[in-house]
C-alpha atoms as a PDB file:
ATOM      1  CA  MET A   1      24.925  17.298 -10.875  1.00  0.00           C
ATOM      2  CA  ASP A   2      22.494  16.513 -13.666  1.00  0.00           C
ATOM      3  CA  ASP A   3      23.615  12.873 -13.870  1.00  0.00           C
ATOM      4  CA  GLU A   4      23.209  12.437 -10.133  1.00  0.00           C
ATOM      5  CA  ALA A   5      19.708  13.914 -10.180  1.00  0.00           C
ATOM      6  CA  ARG A   6      18.742  11.665 -13.093  1.00  0.00           C
ATOM      7  CA  GLU A   7      20.078   8.626 -11.250  1.00  0.00           C
ATOM      8  CA  ILE A   8      18.121   9.562  -8.121  1.00  0.00           C
ATOM      9  CA  ARG A   9      14.929   9.938 -10.167  1.00  0.00           C
ATOM     10  CA  GLN A  10      15.483   6.533 -11.792  1.00  0.00           C
ATOM     11  CA  GLU A  11      16.039   4.856  -8.429  1.00  0.00           C
ATOM     12  CA  LEU A  12      12.965   6.550  -6.962  1.00  0.00           C
ATOM     13  CA  ARG A  13      10.923   5.386  -9.942  1.00  0.00           C
ATOM     14  CA  ARG A  14      12.108   1.805  -9.383  1.00  0.00           C
ATOM     15  CA  LEU A  15      11.301   2.020  -5.683  1.00  0.00           C
ATOM     16  CA  ASN A  16       7.844   3.448  -6.394  1.00  0.00           C
ATOM     17  CA  VAL A  17       6.923   0.301  -8.315  1.00  0.00           C
ATOM     18  CA  ARG A  18       7.977  -1.828  -5.365  1.00  0.00           C
ATOM     19  CA  LEU A  19       5.989   0.393  -3.026  1.00  0.00           C
ATOM     20  CA  VAL A  20       2.828  -0.083  -5.086  1.00  0.00           C
ATOM     21  CA  VAL A  21       3.361  -3.862  -5.143  1.00  0.00           C
ATOM     22  CA  ALA A  22       3.949  -3.967  -1.377  1.00  0.00           C
ATOM     23  CA  ILE A  23       0.829  -1.903  -0.637  1.00  0.00           C
ATOM     24  CA  SER A  24      -1.259  -4.066  -2.967  1.00  0.00           C
ATOM     25  CA  LEU A  25       0.046  -7.235  -1.329  1.00  0.00           C
ATOM     26  CA  ALA A  26      -0.687  -5.883   2.160  1.00  0.00           C
ATOM     27  CA  VAL A  27      -4.239  -4.901   1.192  1.00  0.00           C
ATOM     28  CA  PHE A  28      -4.865  -8.231  -0.542  1.00  0.00           C
ATOM     29  CA  THR A  29      -3.546 -10.152   2.447  1.00  0.00           C
ATOM     30  CA  GLY A  30      -5.779  -8.204   4.822  1.00  0.00           C
ATOM     31  CA  CYS A  31      -8.834  -8.721   2.624  1.00  0.00           C
ATOM     32  CA  TYR A  32      -8.484 -12.460   2.205  1.00  0.00           C
ATOM     33  CA  ARG A  33      -7.626 -12.876   5.896  1.00  0.00           C
ATOM     34  CA  SER A  34     -10.889 -11.242   6.894  1.00  0.00           C
ATOM     35  CA  GLN A  35     -12.917 -13.077   4.233  1.00  0.00           C
ATOM     36  CA  ALA A  36     -11.475 -16.457   5.236  1.00  0.00           C
ATOM     37  CA  GLY A  37     -11.997 -15.818   8.938  1.00  0.00           C
ATOM     38  CA  LEU A  38      -8.320 -15.968   9.807  1.00  0.00           C
ATOM     39  CA  THR A  39      -8.243 -12.719  11.774  1.00  0.00           C
ATOM     40  CA  ASN A  40      -9.663 -14.020  15.065  1.00  0.00           C
ATOM     41  CA  LEU A  41      -8.281 -17.511  14.963  1.00  0.00           C
ATOM     42  CA  SER A  42      -8.141 -19.236  18.299  1.00  0.00           C
ATOM     43  CA  GLU A  43      -7.381 -22.706  19.556  1.00  0.00           C
ATOM     44  CA  THR A  44     -11.094 -23.492  19.880  1.00  0.00           C
ATOM     45  CA  MET A  45     -11.566 -22.980  16.155  1.00  0.00           C
ATOM     46  CA  THR A  46      -8.740 -25.418  15.419  1.00  0.00           C
ATOM     47  CA  ASN A  47     -10.134 -27.924  17.901  1.00  0.00           C
ATOM     48  CA  ASN A  48     -13.698 -27.624  16.580  1.00  0.00           C
ATOM     49  CA  THR A  49     -12.694 -28.338  12.995  1.00  0.00           C
ATOM     50  CA  GLY A  50     -10.124 -30.946  13.922  1.00  0.00           C
ATOM     51  CA  HIS A  51      -7.654 -29.557  11.410  1.00  0.00           C
ATOM     52  CA  VAL A  52      -4.519 -27.468  11.895  1.00  0.00           C
ATOM     53  CA  ALA A  53      -4.522 -26.065   8.350  1.00  0.00           C
ATOM     54  CA  PHE A  54      -6.449 -23.053   9.686  1.00  0.00           C
ATOM     55  CA  TYR A  55      -3.610 -22.384  12.078  1.00  0.00           C
ATOM     56  CA  TRP A  56      -0.903 -22.634   9.411  1.00  0.00           C
ATOM     57  CA  ALA A  57      -2.888 -20.588   6.907  1.00  0.00           C
ATOM     58  CA  SER A  58      -3.227 -17.877   9.539  1.00  0.00           C
ATOM     59  CA  LYS A  59       0.473 -17.921  10.396  1.00  0.00           C
ATOM     60  CA  PHE A  60       1.604 -17.754   6.770  1.00  0.00           C
ATOM     61  CA  SER A  61      -0.816 -14.950   5.935  1.00  0.00           C
ATOM     62  CA  LYS A  62       0.280 -13.006   9.012  1.00  0.00           C
ATOM     63  CA  PHE A  63       3.930 -13.411   8.013  1.00  0.00           C
ATOM     64  CA  ALA A  64       3.157 -12.307   4.443  1.00  0.00           C
ATOM     65  CA  ARG A  65       1.380  -9.218   5.725  1.00  0.00           C
ATOM     66  CA  LEU A  66       4.270  -8.376   8.055  1.00  0.00           C
ATOM     67  CA  CYS A  67       6.807  -8.728   5.233  1.00  0.00           C
ATOM     68  CA  SER A  68       4.825  -6.509   2.897  1.00  0.00           C
ATOM     69  CA  LEU A  69       4.216  -3.884   5.590  1.00  0.00           C
ATOM     70  CA  MET A  70       7.903  -3.903   6.465  1.00  0.00           C
ATOM     71  CA  VAL A  71       8.717  -3.135   2.822  1.00  0.00           C
ATOM     72  CA  VAL A  72       6.139  -0.335   2.811  1.00  0.00           C
ATOM     73  CA  PHE A  73       7.608   1.312   5.910  1.00  0.00           C
ATOM     74  CA  GLU A  74      11.185   0.925   4.688  1.00  0.00           C
ATOM     75  CA  LEU A  75      10.356   2.467   1.327  1.00  0.00           C
ATOM     76  CA  LEU A  76       8.411   5.350   2.822  1.00  0.00           C
ATOM     77  CA  PHE A  77      11.304   6.430   5.001  1.00  0.00           C
ATOM     78  CA  VAL A  78      14.171   5.896   2.567  1.00  0.00           C
ATOM     79  CA  PRO A  79      16.770   8.651   2.510  1.00  0.00           C
ATOM     80  CA  VAL A  80      17.710  10.077  -0.866  1.00  0.00           C
ATOM     81  CA  VAL A  81      21.085   8.372  -1.066  1.00  0.00           C
ATOM     82  CA  VAL A  82      21.605   6.325  -4.216  1.00  0.00           C
ATOM     83  CA  LEU A  83      23.669   3.560  -2.609  1.00  0.00           C
ATOM     84  CA  ARG A  84      21.082   3.110   0.150  1.00  0.00           C
ATOM     85  CA  MET A  85      18.324   3.024  -2.464  1.00  0.00           C
ATOM     86  CA  ARG A  86      20.056   0.235  -4.372  1.00  0.00           C
ATOM     87  CA  SER A  87      20.547  -1.906  -1.286  1.00  0.00           C
ATOM     88  CA  LEU A  88      16.970  -1.211  -0.230  1.00  0.00           C
ATOM     89  CA  ARG A  89      15.772  -2.293  -3.654  1.00  0.00           C
ATOM     90  CA  ARG A  90      17.441  -5.692  -3.199  1.00  0.00           C
ATOM     91  CA  GLU A  91      16.088  -6.064   0.336  1.00  0.00           C
ATOM     92  CA  SER A  92      12.573  -5.133  -0.708  1.00  0.00           C
ATOM     93  CA  ASP A  93      12.713  -7.627  -3.580  1.00  0.00           C
ATOM     94  CA  ARG A  94      13.647 -10.389  -1.143  1.00  0.00           C
ATOM     95  CA  PHE A  95      10.854  -9.524   1.247  1.00  0.00           C
ATOM     96  CA  LEU A  96       8.270  -9.175  -1.526  1.00  0.00           C
ATOM     97  CA  VAL A  97       9.198 -12.605  -2.917  1.00  0.00           C
ATOM     98  CA  LEU A  98       8.999 -14.089   0.575  1.00  0.00           C
ATOM     99  CA  ALA A  99       5.619 -12.435   1.150  1.00  0.00           C
ATOM    100  CA  SER A 100       4.319 -13.726  -2.185  1.00  0.00           C
ATOM    101  CA  ILE A 101       5.425 -17.275  -1.350  1.00  0.00           C
ATOM    102  CA  CYS A 102       3.730 -17.056   2.061  1.00  0.00           C
ATOM    103  CA  VAL A 103       0.515 -15.791   0.437  1.00  0.00           C
ATOM    104  CA  LEU A 104       0.569 -18.724  -1.987  1.00  0.00           C
ATOM    105  CA  ILE A 105       1.136 -21.222   0.820  1.00  0.00           C
ATOM    106  CA  SER A 106      -1.655 -19.699   2.885  1.00  0.00           C
ATOM    107  CA  LEU A 107      -4.055 -19.732  -0.053  1.00  0.00           C
ATOM    108  CA  SER A 108      -3.076 -23.335  -0.738  1.00  0.00           C
ATOM    109  CA  PHE A 109      -4.011 -24.296   2.821  1.00  0.00           C
ATOM    110  CA  LEU A 110      -7.323 -22.485   2.454  1.00  0.00           C
ATOM    111  CA  ALA A 111      -8.017 -24.173  -0.883  1.00  0.00           C
ATOM    112  CA  TYR A 112      -7.197 -27.541   0.664  1.00  0.00           C
ATOM    113  CA  LEU A 113      -9.641 -26.874   3.485  1.00  0.00           C
ATOM    114  CA  ARG A 114     -12.306 -25.657   1.092  1.00  0.00           C
ATOM    115  CA  TRP A 115     -12.104 -28.524  -1.390  1.00  0.00           C
ATOM    116  CA  PHE A 116     -10.978 -31.586   0.550  1.00  0.00           C
ATOM    117  CA  VAL A 117     -11.919 -31.108   4.192  1.00  0.00           C
ATOM    118  CA  VAL A 118     -15.567 -31.004   5.131  1.00  0.00           C
ATOM    119  CA  VAL A 119     -15.976 -28.419   7.882  1.00  0.00           C
ATOM    120  CA  VAL A 120     -19.198 -28.630   9.845  1.00  0.00           C
END
């Protein structure tokens, strides 16, 4: 019984780190979306600037936020079963890596627009 309780505590500790990373990524994604003006993106904004990088930056940031929020909700409602925790740990790692890649792509589009495209 003691070994099982110790194993559950270790798995919960590992999942807590992933939960903190997922919450941080979701908050960061929401902050830079609002600062960059990607929250209320419409077709007129894309047509006025003449560039579709706004559109793609918005889509990638939205997908990154959805991935990180999905990890948050999965980790909050995890049952205390060690095998389920291990599989959830792998799934959350995949989604956090995918969300991080999408954030980097979105920020790359925004940096491209900021540095190389003159927006009037």
